[in-house]
Amino acid sequence: MKLKFANRMSYIKASEIREILKVTEQEDVISFAGGLPAPELFPIDEINQMTQIVLKCILCYSF
């Protein structure tokens, strides 16, 4: 299916931020951009433990 847009859409340029983010996906680029932390550095086990504690506390107070 071919989409047809209004002629004025041909004047819209790509987002500069989107273009910068494309570069951060390259393996040879180390990005220091804020908001793009390395997922492998997240403390998943600690987050899971804290989540369980919070959920147990919520259950205790809801009944």
N, C-alpha and C. Protein backbone atom coordinates (compact mmCIF):
# COMPACT_ATOMS: atom_id res chain seq x y z
N MET A 1 0.84 -1.18 0.00
CA MET A 1 0.00 0.00 0.00
C MET A 1 0.89 1.25 0.00
N LYS A 2 0.64 2.12 -0.91
CA LYS A 2 1.42 3.36 -0.99
C LYS A 2 0.65 4.47 -0.29
N LEU A 3 1.33 5.17 0.61
CA LEU A 3 0.71 6.26 1.34
C LEU A 3 0.89 7.57 0.57
N LYS A 4 -0.15 8.37 0.53
CA LYS A 4 -0.07 9.67 -0.13
C LYS A 4 -0.26 10.75 0.91
N PHE A 5 0.70 11.66 0.98
CA PHE A 5 0.65 12.76 1.92
C PHE A 5 0.44 14.07 1.18
N ALA A 6 0.07 15.09 1.92
CA ALA A 6 -0.07 16.42 1.34
C ALA A 6 1.28 16.89 0.83
N ASN A 7 1.26 17.71 -0.21
CA ASN A 7 2.51 18.23 -0.81
C ASN A 7 3.39 18.93 0.21
N ARG A 8 2.77 19.60 1.20
CA ARG A 8 3.56 20.34 2.18
C ARG A 8 4.45 19.42 3.02
N MET A 9 4.14 18.15 3.07
CA MET A 9 4.95 17.21 3.84
C MET A 9 6.34 17.02 3.24
N SER A 10 6.50 17.31 1.97
CA SER A 10 7.81 17.15 1.33
C SER A 10 8.83 18.18 1.84
N TYR A 11 8.35 19.23 2.50
CA TYR A 11 9.25 20.26 3.01
C TYR A 11 9.74 19.96 4.43
N ILE A 12 9.18 18.95 5.06
CA ILE A 12 9.55 18.63 6.44
C ILE A 12 10.88 17.89 6.44
N LYS A 13 11.81 18.37 7.28
CA LYS A 13 13.13 17.74 7.38
C LYS A 13 13.13 16.74 8.53
N ALA A 14 14.08 15.84 8.49
CA ALA A 14 14.24 14.86 9.56
C ALA A 14 14.62 15.57 10.86
N SER A 15 14.23 15.00 11.96
CA SER A 15 14.55 15.56 13.27
C SER A 15 16.06 15.50 13.50
N GLU A 16 16.63 16.59 13.95
CA GLU A 16 18.08 16.62 14.24
C GLU A 16 18.41 15.63 15.36
N ILE A 17 17.54 15.54 16.33
CA ILE A 17 17.78 14.60 17.43
C ILE A 17 17.79 13.17 16.92
N ARG A 18 16.85 12.86 16.05
CA ARG A 18 16.80 11.51 15.48
C ARG A 18 18.08 11.19 14.73
N GLU A 19 18.60 12.17 14.01
CA GLU A 19 19.85 11.96 13.26
C GLU A 19 21.03 11.73 14.20
N ILE A 20 21.07 12.47 15.30
CA ILE A 20 22.15 12.28 16.29
C ILE A 20 22.04 10.90 16.92
N LEU A 21 20.82 10.48 17.24
CA LEU A 21 20.64 9.17 17.86
C LEU A 21 21.05 8.03 16.94
N LYS A 22 20.93 8.20 15.65
CA LYS A 22 21.39 7.18 14.70
C LYS A 22 22.89 6.94 14.88
N VAL A 23 23.63 8.02 15.10
CA VAL A 23 25.08 7.91 15.27
C VAL A 23 25.41 7.13 16.55
N THR A 24 24.63 7.32 17.60
CA THR A 24 24.92 6.66 18.88
C THR A 24 24.74 5.15 18.80
N GLU A 25 24.07 4.65 17.76
CA GLU A 25 23.87 3.21 17.60
C GLU A 25 25.08 2.52 16.99
N GLN A 26 26.02 3.27 16.49
CA GLN A 26 27.21 2.68 15.88
C GLN A 26 28.10 2.09 16.97
N GLU A 27 28.66 0.93 16.68
CA GLU A 27 29.48 0.23 17.68
C GLU A 27 30.75 0.98 18.05
N ASP A 28 31.27 1.76 17.13
CA ASP A 28 32.54 2.45 17.40
C ASP A 28 32.34 3.82 18.03
N VAL A 29 31.10 4.13 18.45
CA VAL A 29 30.79 5.42 19.06
C VAL A 29 30.46 5.23 20.53
N ILE A 30 31.11 6.00 21.37
CA ILE A 30 30.78 6.03 22.80
C ILE A 30 29.98 7.31 23.01
N SER A 31 28.73 7.14 23.39
CA SER A 31 27.85 8.30 23.55
C SER A 31 27.87 8.80 24.99
N PHE A 32 28.08 10.08 25.13
CA PHE A 32 27.98 10.72 26.44
C PHE A 32 26.69 11.53 26.55
N ALA A 33 25.76 11.24 25.65
CA ALA A 33 24.48 11.95 25.65
C ALA A 33 23.67 11.56 26.88
N GLY A 34 23.08 12.54 27.50
CA GLY A 34 22.24 12.27 28.67
C GLY A 34 21.00 11.50 28.28
N GLY A 35 20.56 10.62 29.16
CA GLY A 35 19.35 9.86 28.89
C GLY A 35 19.58 8.61 28.07
N LEU A 36 20.82 8.29 27.78
CA LEU A 36 21.11 7.08 27.02
C LEU A 36 22.10 6.19 27.77
N PRO A 37 21.73 5.74 28.97
CA PRO A 37 22.67 4.91 29.73
C PRO A 37 22.81 3.52 29.11
N ALA A 38 23.92 2.89 29.38
CA ALA A 38 24.16 1.53 28.89
C ALA A 38 23.28 0.56 29.68
N PRO A 39 22.40 -0.17 29.01
CA PRO A 39 21.48 -1.07 29.72
C PRO A 39 22.19 -2.10 30.59
N GLU A 40 23.38 -2.52 30.21
CA GLU A 40 24.09 -3.54 31.00
C GLU A 40 24.56 -2.99 32.34
N LEU A 41 24.50 -1.69 32.54
CA LEU A 41 24.92 -1.09 33.81
C LEU A 41 23.77 -0.93 34.82
N PHE A 42 22.55 -1.23 34.41
CA PHE A 42 21.42 -1.13 35.33
C PHE A 42 21.52 -2.22 36.40
N PRO A 43 21.33 -1.88 37.66
CA PRO A 43 21.39 -2.88 38.74
C PRO A 43 20.06 -3.65 38.81
N ILE A 44 19.85 -4.56 37.87
CA ILE A 44 18.58 -5.28 37.73
C ILE A 44 18.20 -6.03 38.99
N ASP A 45 19.14 -6.75 39.60
CA ASP A 45 18.83 -7.53 40.81
C ASP A 45 18.37 -6.62 41.95
N GLU A 46 19.06 -5.50 42.12
CA GLU A 46 18.69 -4.57 43.19
C GLU A 46 17.31 -3.94 42.92
N ILE A 47 17.05 -3.62 41.67
CA ILE A 47 15.75 -3.04 41.32
C ILE A 47 14.64 -4.06 41.59
N ASN A 48 14.88 -5.31 41.24
CA ASN A 48 13.89 -6.36 41.51
C ASN A 48 13.63 -6.50 43.01
N GLN A 49 14.68 -6.49 43.81
CA GLN A 49 14.52 -6.61 45.26
C GLN A 49 13.71 -5.44 45.82
N MET A 50 14.04 -4.24 45.39
CA MET A 50 13.31 -3.06 45.89
C MET A 50 11.85 -3.10 45.45
N THR A 51 11.61 -3.55 44.24
CA THR A 51 10.24 -3.64 43.74
C THR A 51 9.43 -4.61 44.58
N GLN A 52 10.02 -5.75 44.90
CA GLN A 52 9.31 -6.74 45.73
C GLN A 52 8.98 -6.18 47.10
N ILE A 53 9.92 -5.46 47.69
CA ILE A 53 9.69 -4.85 49.01
C ILE A 53 8.54 -3.85 48.94
N VAL A 54 8.55 -3.00 47.94
CA VAL A 54 7.50 -1.99 47.79
C VAL A 54 6.15 -2.66 47.57
N LEU A 55 6.11 -3.67 46.73
CA LEU A 55 4.83 -4.35 46.46
C LEU A 55 4.30 -5.04 47.70
N LYS A 56 5.19 -5.63 48.49
CA LYS A 56 4.74 -6.27 49.74
C LYS A 56 4.18 -5.23 50.70
N CYS A 57 4.82 -4.07 50.79
CA CYS A 57 4.33 -3.00 51.67
C CYS A 57 2.96 -2.49 51.20
N ILE A 58 2.80 -2.35 49.90
CA ILE A 58 1.52 -1.90 49.37
C ILE A 58 0.43 -2.90 49.71
N LEU A 59 0.73 -4.18 49.57
CA LEU A 59 -0.26 -5.22 49.90
C LEU A 59 -0.62 -5.20 51.39
N CYS A 60 0.37 -4.93 52.23
CA CYS A 60 0.12 -4.88 53.67
C CYS A 60 -0.85 -3.76 54.02
N TYR A 61 -0.73 -2.64 53.37
CA TYR A 61 -1.55 -1.48 53.70
C TYR A 61 -2.88 -1.46 52.96
N SER A 62 -3.04 -2.32 51.97
CA SER A 62 -4.29 -2.25 51.19
C SER A 62 -5.40 -3.10 51.80
N PHE A 63 -5.10 -3.90 52.81
CA PHE A 63 -6.17 -4.72 53.42
C PHE A 63 -6.40 -4.35 54.83
